[in-house]
Amino acid sequence: MFPPANDLIALLGINLVLSAGCLRLLNWRHGVTPWGKWASAAVFLLLWCPVGPARLPLVAYVRGISSDLSISLVAIACLGMYRRLRGMAPVAQHERMVLSLAFAAGALFLYPLALGWGDWDAYRLGWGSPALWAALLALSLACWAGGLRLLPMLVALALLAWVAGALESTNLWDYLIDPWLAVAAIFQCIKSAIVWGLARLRAARHGAMPSSA
């Protein structure tokens, strides 16, 4: 007997994210190698192996720790894995930066309020709020007008999955963002800010140095 479809989708999403992470980790320095491809494929298959008294797949135990991942995170992981396997260039830096800023801002807006750091719970917006839909539409149109395609596509994919009930949750926020994606986005923003600050500092120092005669 097969589990419900949303359970299968959730397990598949977790497996794909872990496999994509394995591929990136193993091929971080020297590009994608045949060994890295086989190792990532082995991880994908291994996570489906039933273990324990309940004979649940290994990825189900991972799900118990990670909870369901957002459609956005799964899509980003799959895109990165596809581009690596095809030998394509990474997503443009400005696209990645906009993604990180958008998800970091969403996390800082959602999670503190959802944890009770205020009198209003932003998580409620995920249950069919026109205000959230309007904000997502405005953000997507602004990105599209600026030549940024990835964020609007992620929003559209999350909305389609939410309408279809692809995950166990009925809240749109859970399709758009999850804590793992939030942490990664905030970390990326901090990292970019540090790199930018160091670059400006080095440029200022070089500019202040007297030119040699």
N, C-alpha and C. Protein backbone atom coordinates (compact mmCIF):
# COMPACT_ATOMS: atom_id res chain seq x y z
N MET A 1 0.85 -1.19 0.00
CA MET A 1 0.00 0.00 0.00
C MET A 1 0.88 1.25 0.00
N PHE A 2 0.60 2.15 -0.93
CA PHE A 2 1.41 3.35 -1.07
C PHE A 2 0.92 4.43 -0.12
N PRO A 3 1.85 5.27 0.38
CA PRO A 3 1.46 6.40 1.23
C PRO A 3 0.74 7.46 0.40
N PRO A 4 0.11 8.43 1.06
CA PRO A 4 -0.55 9.51 0.32
C PRO A 4 0.42 10.24 -0.60
N ALA A 5 -0.13 10.86 -1.63
CA ALA A 5 0.70 11.53 -2.63
C ALA A 5 1.52 12.66 -2.01
N ASN A 6 0.93 13.40 -1.06
CA ASN A 6 1.70 14.52 -0.50
C ASN A 6 2.87 14.02 0.36
N ASP A 7 2.73 12.83 0.94
CA ASP A 7 3.88 12.25 1.66
C ASP A 7 4.99 11.87 0.69
N LEU A 8 4.61 11.29 -0.44
CA LEU A 8 5.61 10.92 -1.44
C LEU A 8 6.32 12.16 -1.99
N ILE A 9 5.56 13.22 -2.24
CA ILE A 9 6.15 14.45 -2.75
C ILE A 9 7.12 15.04 -1.73
N ALA A 10 6.72 15.04 -0.46
CA ALA A 10 7.59 15.58 0.59
C ALA A 10 8.88 14.77 0.69
N LEU A 11 8.76 13.44 0.66
CA LEU A 11 9.95 12.59 0.74
C LEU A 11 10.85 12.78 -0.47
N LEU A 12 10.24 12.87 -1.64
CA LEU A 12 11.02 13.09 -2.86
C LEU A 12 11.75 14.42 -2.81
N GLY A 13 11.08 15.45 -2.31
CA GLY A 13 11.72 16.76 -2.21
C GLY A 13 12.93 16.74 -1.29
N ILE A 14 12.80 16.10 -0.14
CA ILE A 14 13.92 16.00 0.80
C ILE A 14 15.07 15.23 0.16
N ASN A 15 14.74 14.14 -0.52
CA ASN A 15 15.76 13.32 -1.17
C ASN A 15 16.50 14.11 -2.24
N LEU A 16 15.77 14.86 -3.04
CA LEU A 16 16.40 15.64 -4.10
C LEU A 16 17.32 16.72 -3.53
N VAL A 17 16.89 17.37 -2.46
CA VAL A 17 17.72 18.41 -1.84
C VAL A 17 19.01 17.80 -1.28
N LEU A 18 18.89 16.65 -0.61
CA LEU A 18 20.08 15.99 -0.07
C LEU A 18 21.01 15.52 -1.18
N SER A 19 20.46 14.99 -2.25
CA SER A 19 21.28 14.54 -3.37
C SER A 19 21.97 15.71 -4.05
N ALA A 20 21.24 16.82 -4.20
CA ALA A 20 21.84 18.02 -4.80
C ALA A 20 22.96 18.56 -3.91
N GLY A 21 22.75 18.53 -2.60
CA GLY A 21 23.79 18.96 -1.68
C GLY A 21 25.02 18.07 -1.74
N CYS A 22 24.78 16.77 -1.88
CA CYS A 22 25.90 15.82 -2.00
C CYS A 22 26.69 16.09 -3.27
N LEU A 23 25.98 16.32 -4.38
CA LEU A 23 26.66 16.60 -5.65
C LEU A 23 27.49 17.87 -5.55
N ARG A 24 26.95 18.89 -4.92
CA ARG A 24 27.70 20.15 -4.78
C ARG A 24 28.90 19.98 -3.88
N LEU A 25 28.74 19.25 -2.78
CA LEU A 25 29.84 19.07 -1.83
C LEU A 25 30.98 18.27 -2.45
N LEU A 26 30.63 17.21 -3.17
CA LEU A 26 31.66 16.33 -3.72
C LEU A 26 32.37 16.95 -4.92
N ASN A 27 31.75 17.92 -5.56
CA ASN A 27 32.33 18.51 -6.76
C ASN A 27 32.57 20.00 -6.60
N TRP A 28 32.88 20.38 -5.37
CA TRP A 28 33.01 21.80 -5.06
C TRP A 28 34.23 22.42 -5.74
N ARG A 29 35.34 21.69 -5.76
CA ARG A 29 36.59 22.28 -6.24
C ARG A 29 36.86 22.02 -7.72
N HIS A 30 36.59 20.82 -8.18
CA HIS A 30 37.09 20.40 -9.49
C HIS A 30 35.97 20.19 -10.51
N GLY A 31 34.79 20.72 -10.27
CA GLY A 31 33.70 20.50 -11.21
C GLY A 31 33.11 19.11 -11.03
N VAL A 32 32.07 18.84 -11.81
CA VAL A 32 31.37 17.57 -11.68
C VAL A 32 32.21 16.45 -12.27
N THR A 33 32.44 15.42 -11.48
CA THR A 33 33.20 14.26 -11.92
C THR A 33 32.27 13.05 -12.00
N PRO A 34 32.64 12.04 -12.79
CA PRO A 34 31.81 10.82 -12.83
C PRO A 34 31.63 10.20 -11.45
N TRP A 35 32.68 10.24 -10.64
CA TRP A 35 32.57 9.69 -9.29
C TRP A 35 31.53 10.45 -8.48
N GLY A 36 31.52 11.77 -8.61
CA GLY A 36 30.54 12.58 -7.90
C GLY A 36 29.12 12.28 -8.34
N LYS A 37 28.93 12.06 -9.64
CA LYS A 37 27.60 11.72 -10.15
C LYS A 37 27.12 10.39 -9.58
N TRP A 38 28.00 9.39 -9.60
CA TRP A 38 27.62 8.07 -9.09
C TRP A 38 27.36 8.11 -7.59
N ALA A 39 28.16 8.87 -6.87
CA ALA A 39 27.96 8.97 -5.42
C ALA A 39 26.63 9.64 -5.10
N SER A 40 26.28 10.69 -5.84
CA SER A 40 25.01 11.37 -5.61
C SER A 40 23.83 10.47 -5.96
N ALA A 41 23.97 9.70 -7.05
CA ALA A 41 22.91 8.76 -7.41
C ALA A 41 22.77 7.67 -6.34
N ALA A 42 23.90 7.23 -5.78
CA ALA A 42 23.85 6.22 -4.72
C ALA A 42 23.16 6.76 -3.48
N VAL A 43 23.41 8.03 -3.14
CA VAL A 43 22.74 8.65 -2.00
C VAL A 43 21.24 8.71 -2.24
N PHE A 44 20.85 9.08 -3.46
CA PHE A 44 19.42 9.15 -3.79
C PHE A 44 18.74 7.80 -3.60
N LEU A 45 19.39 6.73 -4.08
CA LEU A 45 18.80 5.39 -3.96
C LEU A 45 18.85 4.90 -2.52
N LEU A 46 19.94 5.18 -1.83
CA LEU A 46 20.09 4.71 -0.45
C LEU A 46 19.01 5.29 0.46
N LEU A 47 18.64 6.53 0.22
CA LEU A 47 17.64 7.17 1.07
C LEU A 47 16.25 6.56 0.92
N TRP A 48 16.04 5.78 -0.13
CA TRP A 48 14.75 5.09 -0.30
C TRP A 48 14.75 3.69 0.32
N CYS A 49 15.90 3.24 0.82
CA CYS A 49 15.97 1.89 1.39
C CYS A 49 15.20 1.83 2.71
N PRO A 50 14.34 0.81 2.88
CA PRO A 50 13.58 0.68 4.14
C PRO A 50 14.48 0.20 5.26
N VAL A 51 14.36 0.83 6.41
CA VAL A 51 15.15 0.46 7.59
C VAL A 51 14.26 0.52 8.82
N GLY A 52 14.73 -0.12 9.89
CA GLY A 52 14.02 -0.07 11.16
C GLY A 52 12.85 -1.03 11.24
N PRO A 53 12.27 -1.17 12.41
CA PRO A 53 11.13 -2.09 12.59
C PRO A 53 9.94 -1.73 11.72
N ALA A 54 9.73 -0.44 11.48
CA ALA A 54 8.58 -0.01 10.67
C ALA A 54 8.84 -0.14 9.18
N ARG A 55 10.06 -0.48 8.82
CA ARG A 55 10.44 -0.62 7.41
C ARG A 55 10.14 0.65 6.61
N LEU A 56 10.43 1.78 7.21
CA LEU A 56 10.25 3.06 6.54
C LEU A 56 11.52 3.41 5.77
N PRO A 57 11.39 4.11 4.65
CA PRO A 57 12.60 4.53 3.95
C PRO A 57 13.43 5.47 4.81
N LEU A 58 14.73 5.44 4.59
CA LEU A 58 15.63 6.26 5.40
C LEU A 58 15.27 7.74 5.33
N VAL A 59 14.80 8.18 4.18
CA VAL A 59 14.45 9.59 4.03
C VAL A 59 13.27 9.98 4.92
N ALA A 60 12.44 9.01 5.31
CA ALA A 60 11.32 9.31 6.20
C ALA A 60 11.83 9.70 7.59
N TYR A 61 12.93 9.09 8.03
CA TYR A 61 13.52 9.47 9.31
C TYR A 61 14.15 10.86 9.22
N VAL A 62 14.74 11.16 8.06
CA VAL A 62 15.26 12.51 7.85
C VAL A 62 14.12 13.52 7.90
N ARG A 63 12.98 13.15 7.33
CA ARG A 63 11.82 14.04 7.36
C ARG A 63 11.37 14.33 8.78
N GLY A 64 11.51 13.35 9.66
CA GLY A 64 11.14 13.57 11.05
C GLY A 64 11.98 14.63 11.72
N ILE A 65 13.19 14.84 11.20
CA ILE A 65 14.08 15.88 11.75
C ILE A 65 13.91 17.20 11.01
N SER A 66 13.87 17.12 9.69
CA SER A 66 13.87 18.34 8.88
C SER A 66 12.48 18.92 8.67
N SER A 67 11.43 18.10 8.85
CA SER A 67 10.07 18.46 8.46
C SER A 67 10.03 18.62 6.93
N ASP A 68 8.87 18.99 6.40
CA ASP A 68 8.76 19.13 4.95
C ASP A 68 9.51 20.36 4.48
N LEU A 69 10.15 20.24 3.33
CA LEU A 69 10.87 21.36 2.75
C LEU A 69 9.95 22.13 1.80
N SER A 70 10.22 23.40 1.66
CA SER A 70 9.39 24.23 0.79
C SER A 70 9.62 23.87 -0.68
N ILE A 71 8.62 24.18 -1.49
CA ILE A 71 8.74 23.98 -2.93
C ILE A 71 9.87 24.84 -3.48
N SER A 72 10.05 26.02 -2.92
CA SER A 72 11.12 26.92 -3.38
C SER A 72 12.49 26.28 -3.20
N LEU A 73 12.74 25.71 -2.02
CA LEU A 73 14.04 25.10 -1.76
C LEU A 73 14.28 23.90 -2.66
N VAL A 74 13.26 23.07 -2.84
CA VAL A 74 13.40 21.90 -3.71
C VAL A 74 13.69 22.34 -5.15
N ALA A 75 12.99 23.37 -5.61
CA ALA A 75 13.20 23.85 -6.98
C ALA A 75 14.60 24.43 -7.16
N ILE A 76 15.07 25.20 -6.18
CA ILE A 76 16.42 25.77 -6.26
C ILE A 76 17.47 24.66 -6.28
N ALA A 77 17.28 23.64 -5.43
CA ALA A 77 18.23 22.52 -5.40
C ALA A 77 18.23 21.76 -6.71
N CYS A 78 17.05 21.51 -7.26
CA CYS A 78 16.96 20.78 -8.53
C CYS A 78 17.57 21.58 -9.67
N LEU A 79 17.35 22.89 -9.67
CA LEU A 79 17.95 23.73 -10.71
C LEU A 79 19.47 23.70 -10.63
N GLY A 80 20.00 23.82 -9.41
CA GLY A 80 21.44 23.77 -9.25
C GLY A 80 22.02 22.43 -9.68
N MET A 81 21.33 21.34 -9.31
CA MET A 81 21.81 20.01 -9.69
C MET A 81 21.76 19.83 -11.20
N TYR A 82 20.69 20.29 -11.83
CA TYR A 82 20.56 20.16 -13.29
C TYR A 82 21.67 20.93 -14.00
N ARG A 83 21.94 22.15 -13.57
CA ARG A 83 22.96 22.95 -14.23
C ARG A 83 24.35 22.35 -14.04
N ARG A 84 24.60 21.75 -12.88
CA ARG A 84 25.90 21.10 -12.67
C ARG A 84 26.05 19.87 -13.56
N LEU A 85 25.00 19.06 -13.61
CA LEU A 85 25.07 17.84 -14.41
C LEU A 85 25.20 18.14 -15.89
N ARG A 86 24.62 19.24 -16.33
CA ARG A 86 24.68 19.63 -17.74
C ARG A 86 25.91 20.47 -18.06
N GLY A 87 26.70 20.79 -17.05
CA GLY A 87 27.88 21.60 -17.29
C GLY A 87 27.57 23.05 -17.62
N MET A 88 26.43 23.53 -17.17
CA MET A 88 26.02 24.91 -17.45
C MET A 88 26.59 25.85 -16.40
N ALA A 89 26.63 27.13 -16.75
CA ALA A 89 27.11 28.14 -15.81
C ALA A 89 26.11 28.30 -14.67
N PRO A 90 26.58 28.68 -13.49
CA PRO A 90 25.65 28.90 -12.37
C PRO A 90 24.69 30.04 -12.68
N VAL A 91 23.64 30.12 -11.88
CA VAL A 91 22.71 31.23 -12.00
C VAL A 91 23.47 32.54 -11.77
N ALA A 92 23.09 33.57 -12.50
CA ALA A 92 23.80 34.85 -12.43
C ALA A 92 23.84 35.37 -10.99
N GLN A 93 24.93 36.06 -10.67
CA GLN A 93 25.14 36.54 -9.31
C GLN A 93 24.01 37.46 -8.85
N HIS A 94 23.55 38.35 -9.73
CA HIS A 94 22.49 39.27 -9.31
C HIS A 94 21.18 38.55 -9.05
N GLU A 95 20.92 37.47 -9.81
CA GLU A 95 19.72 36.66 -9.55
C GLU A 95 19.81 36.00 -8.18
N ARG A 96 20.98 35.44 -7.87
CA ARG A 96 21.17 34.78 -6.58
C ARG A 96 21.06 35.78 -5.43
N MET A 97 21.58 36.98 -5.64
CA MET A 97 21.52 37.98 -4.58
C MET A 97 20.09 38.42 -4.32
N VAL A 98 19.32 38.62 -5.37
CA VAL A 98 17.91 39.00 -5.20
C VAL A 98 17.14 37.89 -4.49
N LEU A 99 17.41 36.64 -4.86
CA LEU A 99 16.76 35.52 -4.18
C LEU A 99 17.09 35.53 -2.69
N SER A 100 18.36 35.68 -2.37
CA SER A 100 18.78 35.68 -0.97
C SER A 100 18.13 36.81 -0.20
N LEU A 101 18.10 38.00 -0.78
CA LEU A 101 17.48 39.14 -0.11
C LEU A 101 15.99 38.93 0.09
N ALA A 102 15.32 38.39 -0.93
CA ALA A 102 13.87 38.18 -0.83
C ALA A 102 13.54 37.16 0.25
N PHE A 103 14.24 36.04 0.25
CA PHE A 103 13.95 35.00 1.24
C PHE A 103 14.39 35.41 2.64
N ALA A 104 15.49 36.13 2.74
CA ALA A 104 15.91 36.62 4.05
C ALA A 104 14.90 37.62 4.61
N ALA A 105 14.41 38.52 3.76
CA ALA A 105 13.40 39.48 4.20
C ALA A 105 12.11 38.77 4.60
N GLY A 106 11.72 37.76 3.79
CA GLY A 106 10.52 36.99 4.14
C GLY A 106 10.67 36.27 5.46
N ALA A 107 11.85 35.72 5.71
CA ALA A 107 12.09 35.01 6.97
C ALA A 107 12.04 35.95 8.16
N LEU A 108 12.67 37.12 8.02
CA LEU A 108 12.69 38.08 9.13
C LEU A 108 11.31 38.69 9.37
N PHE A 109 10.48 38.68 8.35
CA PHE A 109 9.10 39.15 8.53
C PHE A 109 8.22 38.06 9.14
N LEU A 110 8.38 36.83 8.67
CA LEU A 110 7.46 35.75 9.07
C LEU A 110 7.78 35.16 10.43
N TYR A 111 9.00 34.68 10.62
CA TYR A 111 9.27 33.83 11.77
C TYR A 111 9.22 34.54 13.13
N PRO A 112 9.76 35.75 13.27
CA PRO A 112 9.60 36.40 14.58
C PRO A 112 8.14 36.62 14.97
N LEU A 113 7.31 37.04 14.00
CA LEU A 113 5.90 37.25 14.30
C LEU A 113 5.19 35.93 14.57
N ALA A 114 5.56 34.88 13.82
CA ALA A 114 4.93 33.58 14.04
C ALA A 114 5.31 32.99 15.39
N LEU A 115 6.47 33.38 15.92
CA LEU A 115 6.91 32.89 17.23
C LEU A 115 6.38 33.74 18.38
N GLY A 116 5.56 34.71 18.07
CA GLY A 116 4.92 35.49 19.12
C GLY A 116 5.60 36.78 19.48
N TRP A 117 6.51 37.27 18.63
CA TRP A 117 7.20 38.52 18.91
C TRP A 117 6.36 39.73 18.48
N GLY A 118 5.12 39.71 18.79
CA GLY A 118 4.22 40.78 18.41
C GLY A 118 2.78 40.36 18.62
N ASP A 119 1.87 41.29 18.41
CA ASP A 119 0.45 41.00 18.61
C ASP A 119 -0.22 40.46 17.36
N TRP A 120 0.53 40.34 16.28
CA TRP A 120 -0.06 39.90 15.01
C TRP A 120 0.75 38.75 14.45
N ASP A 121 0.07 37.71 13.98
CA ASP A 121 0.73 36.51 13.46
C ASP A 121 0.73 36.56 11.94
N ALA A 122 1.91 36.75 11.36
CA ALA A 122 2.01 36.82 9.90
C ALA A 122 1.72 35.48 9.24
N TYR A 123 1.83 34.39 9.99
CA TYR A 123 1.58 33.07 9.41
C TYR A 123 0.14 32.93 8.94
N ARG A 124 -0.77 33.70 9.53
CA ARG A 124 -2.18 33.65 9.12
C ARG A 124 -2.38 34.04 7.66
N LEU A 125 -1.50 34.89 7.17
CA LEU A 125 -1.63 35.33 5.78
C LEU A 125 -1.57 34.17 4.80
N GLY A 126 -0.93 33.08 5.20
CA GLY A 126 -0.78 31.95 4.30
C GLY A 126 -2.05 31.18 4.04
N TRP A 127 -3.09 31.44 4.81
CA TRP A 127 -4.36 30.75 4.60
C TRP A 127 -5.29 31.60 3.73
N GLY A 128 -4.86 31.85 2.53
CA GLY A 128 -5.72 32.49 1.55
C GLY A 128 -5.91 33.97 1.72
N SER A 129 -4.88 34.70 2.12
CA SER A 129 -5.01 36.15 2.30
C SER A 129 -4.75 36.88 0.98
N PRO A 130 -5.70 37.70 0.52
CA PRO A 130 -5.46 38.50 -0.69
C PRO A 130 -4.27 39.44 -0.55
N ALA A 131 -3.98 39.88 0.67
CA ALA A 131 -2.84 40.78 0.88
C ALA A 131 -1.52 40.08 0.52
N LEU A 132 -1.38 38.82 0.90
CA LEU A 132 -0.16 38.08 0.57
C LEU A 132 -0.09 37.84 -0.94
N TRP A 133 -1.21 37.50 -1.55
CA TRP A 133 -1.23 37.31 -3.01
C TRP A 133 -0.81 38.58 -3.73
N ALA A 134 -1.34 39.72 -3.27
CA ALA A 134 -1.01 41.00 -3.91
C ALA A 134 0.48 41.32 -3.75
N ALA A 135 1.02 41.04 -2.56
CA ALA A 135 2.44 41.30 -2.33
C ALA A 135 3.31 40.42 -3.22
N LEU A 136 2.93 39.15 -3.36
CA LEU A 136 3.69 38.24 -4.22
C LEU A 136 3.60 38.66 -5.69
N LEU A 137 2.40 39.11 -6.09
CA LEU A 137 2.23 39.57 -7.47
C LEU A 137 3.08 40.80 -7.74
N ALA A 138 3.06 41.76 -6.81
CA ALA A 138 3.85 42.97 -6.99
C ALA A 138 5.35 42.66 -7.04
N LEU A 139 5.80 41.78 -6.16
CA LEU A 139 7.21 41.40 -6.14
C LEU A 139 7.61 40.70 -7.44
N SER A 140 6.75 39.80 -7.91
CA SER A 140 7.05 39.06 -9.14
C SER A 140 7.09 39.99 -10.34
N LEU A 141 6.14 40.91 -10.43
CA LEU A 141 6.11 41.85 -11.56
C LEU A 141 7.33 42.77 -11.53
N ALA A 142 7.71 43.22 -10.34
CA ALA A 142 8.89 44.09 -10.23
C ALA A 142 10.15 43.35 -10.67
N CYS A 143 10.28 42.10 -10.25
CA CYS A 143 11.45 41.31 -10.66
C CYS A 143 11.45 41.05 -12.16
N TRP A 144 10.28 40.71 -12.69
CA TRP A 144 10.18 40.42 -14.13
C TRP A 144 10.52 41.66 -14.95
N ALA A 145 10.02 42.82 -14.51
CA ALA A 145 10.32 44.06 -15.22
C ALA A 145 11.81 44.39 -15.16
N GLY A 146 12.46 43.97 -14.11
CA GLY A 146 13.90 44.20 -13.97
C GLY A 146 14.76 43.13 -14.62
N GLY A 147 14.14 42.22 -15.37
CA GLY A 147 14.90 41.18 -16.05
C GLY A 147 15.25 39.99 -15.19
N LEU A 148 14.64 39.89 -14.02
CA LEU A 148 14.90 38.77 -13.11
C LEU A 148 13.77 37.75 -13.26
N ARG A 149 14.11 36.56 -13.64
CA ARG A 149 13.09 35.56 -13.96
C ARG A 149 12.93 34.48 -12.88
N LEU A 150 13.98 34.22 -12.14
CA LEU A 150 13.96 33.06 -11.25
C LEU A 150 12.98 33.22 -10.10
N LEU A 151 12.98 34.36 -9.44
CA LEU A 151 12.08 34.55 -8.30
C LEU A 151 10.61 34.48 -8.71
N PRO A 152 10.17 35.15 -9.79
CA PRO A 152 8.77 34.98 -10.21
C PRO A 152 8.41 33.53 -10.53
N MET A 153 9.34 32.79 -11.12
CA MET A 153 9.06 31.39 -11.43
C MET A 153 8.92 30.56 -10.16
N LEU A 154 9.73 30.84 -9.16
CA LEU A 154 9.61 30.12 -7.89
C LEU A 154 8.28 30.43 -7.21
N VAL A 155 7.87 31.69 -7.24
CA VAL A 155 6.59 32.07 -6.66
C VAL A 155 5.45 31.37 -7.38
N ALA A 156 5.50 31.35 -8.71
CA ALA A 156 4.45 30.69 -9.49
C ALA A 156 4.41 29.20 -9.19
N LEU A 157 5.57 28.58 -9.10
CA LEU A 157 5.62 27.14 -8.81
C LEU A 157 5.06 26.83 -7.43
N ALA A 158 5.41 27.66 -6.45
CA ALA A 158 4.89 27.46 -5.10
C ALA A 158 3.38 27.64 -5.05
N LEU A 159 2.87 28.62 -5.78
CA LEU A 159 1.42 28.85 -5.82
C LEU A 159 0.70 27.67 -6.47
N LEU A 160 1.24 27.16 -7.56
CA LEU A 160 0.63 26.01 -8.23
C LEU A 160 0.62 24.79 -7.31
N ALA A 161 1.73 24.55 -6.63
CA ALA A 161 1.80 23.41 -5.70
C ALA A 161 0.83 23.59 -4.55
N TRP A 162 0.68 24.82 -4.06
CA TRP A 162 -0.26 25.10 -2.97
C TRP A 162 -1.70 24.86 -3.40
N VAL A 163 -2.05 25.33 -4.59
CA VAL A 163 -3.41 25.11 -5.11
C VAL A 163 -3.68 23.63 -5.28
N ALA A 164 -2.66 22.89 -5.73
CA ALA A 164 -2.83 21.45 -5.95
C ALA A 164 -2.77 20.65 -4.66
N GLY A 165 -2.39 21.28 -3.55
CA GLY A 165 -2.27 20.55 -2.29
C GLY A 165 -1.15 19.53 -2.31
N ALA A 166 -0.01 19.93 -2.91
CA ALA A 166 1.09 18.98 -3.08
C ALA A 166 1.71 18.55 -1.76
N LEU A 167 1.71 19.43 -0.77
CA LEU A 167 2.28 19.11 0.53
C LEU A 167 1.18 18.92 1.56
N GLU A 168 1.58 18.42 2.72
CA GLU A 168 0.62 18.17 3.79
C GLU A 168 0.04 19.48 4.33
N SER A 169 0.84 20.52 4.36
CA SER A 169 0.39 21.81 4.88
C SER A 169 -0.58 22.48 3.90
N THR A 170 -1.50 23.25 4.46
CA THR A 170 -2.43 24.03 3.64
C THR A 170 -2.09 25.52 3.70
N ASN A 171 -0.94 25.86 4.26
CA ASN A 171 -0.53 27.25 4.39
C ASN A 171 0.48 27.60 3.30
N LEU A 172 0.22 28.67 2.59
CA LEU A 172 1.07 29.05 1.46
C LEU A 172 2.51 29.33 1.88
N TRP A 173 2.70 29.85 3.09
CA TRP A 173 4.06 30.14 3.55
C TRP A 173 4.94 28.90 3.49
N ASP A 174 4.38 27.73 3.82
CA ASP A 174 5.17 26.50 3.86
C ASP A 174 5.60 26.05 2.47
N TYR A 175 4.95 26.56 1.45
CA TYR A 175 5.35 26.28 0.07
C TYR A 175 6.40 27.27 -0.42
N LEU A 176 6.39 28.47 0.16
CA LEU A 176 7.30 29.52 -0.27
C LEU A 176 8.65 29.46 0.43
N ILE A 177 8.66 29.13 1.72
CA ILE A 177 9.89 29.24 2.50
C ILE A 177 9.86 28.23 3.64
N ASP A 178 11.02 27.82 4.09
CA ASP A 178 11.14 26.95 5.25
C ASP A 178 12.36 27.40 6.05
N PRO A 179 12.52 26.94 7.28
CA PRO A 179 13.64 27.42 8.10
C PRO A 179 15.01 27.17 7.48
N TRP A 180 15.18 26.05 6.78
CA TRP A 180 16.48 25.76 6.17
C TRP A 180 16.81 26.78 5.08
N LEU A 181 15.82 27.09 4.25
CA LEU A 181 16.03 28.09 3.21
C LEU A 181 16.25 29.47 3.82
N ALA A 182 15.53 29.75 4.90
CA ALA A 182 15.68 31.05 5.57
C ALA A 182 17.10 31.22 6.11
N VAL A 183 17.62 30.20 6.78
CA VAL A 183 18.98 30.28 7.33
C VAL A 183 20.00 30.44 6.20
N ALA A 184 19.83 29.67 5.13
CA ALA A 184 20.76 29.77 4.00
C ALA A 184 20.73 31.15 3.37
N ALA A 185 19.53 31.73 3.23
CA ALA A 185 19.42 33.06 2.62
C ALA A 185 20.05 34.13 3.50
N ILE A 186 19.79 34.07 4.80
CA ILE A 186 20.38 35.06 5.71
C ILE A 186 21.90 34.92 5.74
N PHE A 187 22.39 33.68 5.77
CA PHE A 187 23.84 33.46 5.74
C PHE A 187 24.45 34.03 4.47
N GLN A 188 23.78 33.81 3.34
CA GLN A 188 24.31 34.31 2.07
C GLN A 188 24.34 35.83 2.05
N CYS A 189 23.32 36.46 2.61
CA CYS A 189 23.30 37.93 2.68
C CYS A 189 24.43 38.46 3.55
N ILE A 190 24.64 37.82 4.70
CA ILE A 190 25.73 38.25 5.58
C ILE A 190 27.08 38.05 4.90
N LYS A 191 27.24 36.91 4.25
CA LYS A 191 28.50 36.63 3.54
C LYS A 191 28.75 37.66 2.45
N SER A 192 27.72 37.97 1.67
CA SER A 192 27.88 38.96 0.59
C SER A 192 28.21 40.33 1.15
N ALA A 193 27.57 40.69 2.27
CA ALA A 193 27.85 41.99 2.89
C ALA A 193 29.29 42.07 3.38
N ILE A 194 29.79 40.98 3.96
CA ILE A 194 31.18 40.96 4.43
C ILE A 194 32.15 41.07 3.26
N VAL A 195 31.89 40.30 2.20
CA VAL A 195 32.76 40.35 1.02
C VAL A 195 32.76 41.75 0.41
N TRP A 196 31.56 42.34 0.31
CA TRP A 196 31.46 43.69 -0.25
C TRP A 196 32.21 44.70 0.63
N GLY A 197 32.04 44.58 1.95
CA GLY A 197 32.71 45.49 2.86
C GLY A 197 34.22 45.37 2.79
N LEU A 198 34.72 44.14 2.72
CA LEU A 198 36.17 43.94 2.62
C LEU A 198 36.71 44.49 1.31
N ALA A 199 35.93 44.30 0.23
CA ALA A 199 36.37 44.83 -1.07
C ALA A 199 36.44 46.35 -1.04
N ARG A 200 35.44 46.98 -0.42
CA ARG A 200 35.46 48.43 -0.32
C ARG A 200 36.63 48.91 0.55
N LEU A 201 36.90 48.16 1.61
CA LEU A 201 38.01 48.53 2.50
C LEU A 201 39.35 48.43 1.78
N ARG A 202 39.53 47.35 1.02
CA ARG A 202 40.77 47.19 0.26
C ARG A 202 40.91 48.29 -0.79
N ALA A 203 39.79 48.60 -1.45
CA ALA A 203 39.83 49.66 -2.47
C ALA A 203 40.18 51.01 -1.85
N ALA A 204 39.62 51.28 -0.66
CA ALA A 204 39.91 52.54 0.01
C ALA A 204 41.38 52.61 0.42
N ARG A 205 41.92 51.49 0.89
CA ARG A 205 43.33 51.49 1.30
C ARG A 205 44.25 51.70 0.11
N HIS A 206 43.94 51.02 -1.00
CA HIS A 206 44.77 51.19 -2.19
C HIS A 206 44.67 52.61 -2.73
N GLY A 207 43.47 53.18 -2.62
CA GLY A 207 43.30 54.55 -3.10
C GLY A 207 44.03 55.56 -2.25
N ALA A 208 44.19 55.24 -0.95
CA ALA A 208 44.87 56.16 -0.03
C ALA A 208 46.38 56.04 -0.09
N MET A 209 46.88 54.95 -0.68
CA MET A 209 48.33 54.76 -0.75
C MET A 209 48.94 55.76 -1.74
N PRO A 210 50.05 56.37 -1.39
CA PRO A 210 50.70 57.31 -2.32
C PRO A 210 51.26 56.56 -3.52
N SER A 211 51.12 57.14 -4.67
CA SER A 211 51.63 56.50 -5.87
C SER A 211 53.15 56.59 -5.90
N SER A 212 53.78 55.53 -6.39
CA SER A 212 55.25 55.50 -6.45
C SER A 212 55.74 56.41 -7.57
N ALA A 213 56.85 57.05 -7.33
CA ALA A 213 57.40 57.98 -8.32
C ALA A 213 58.01 57.21 -9.48
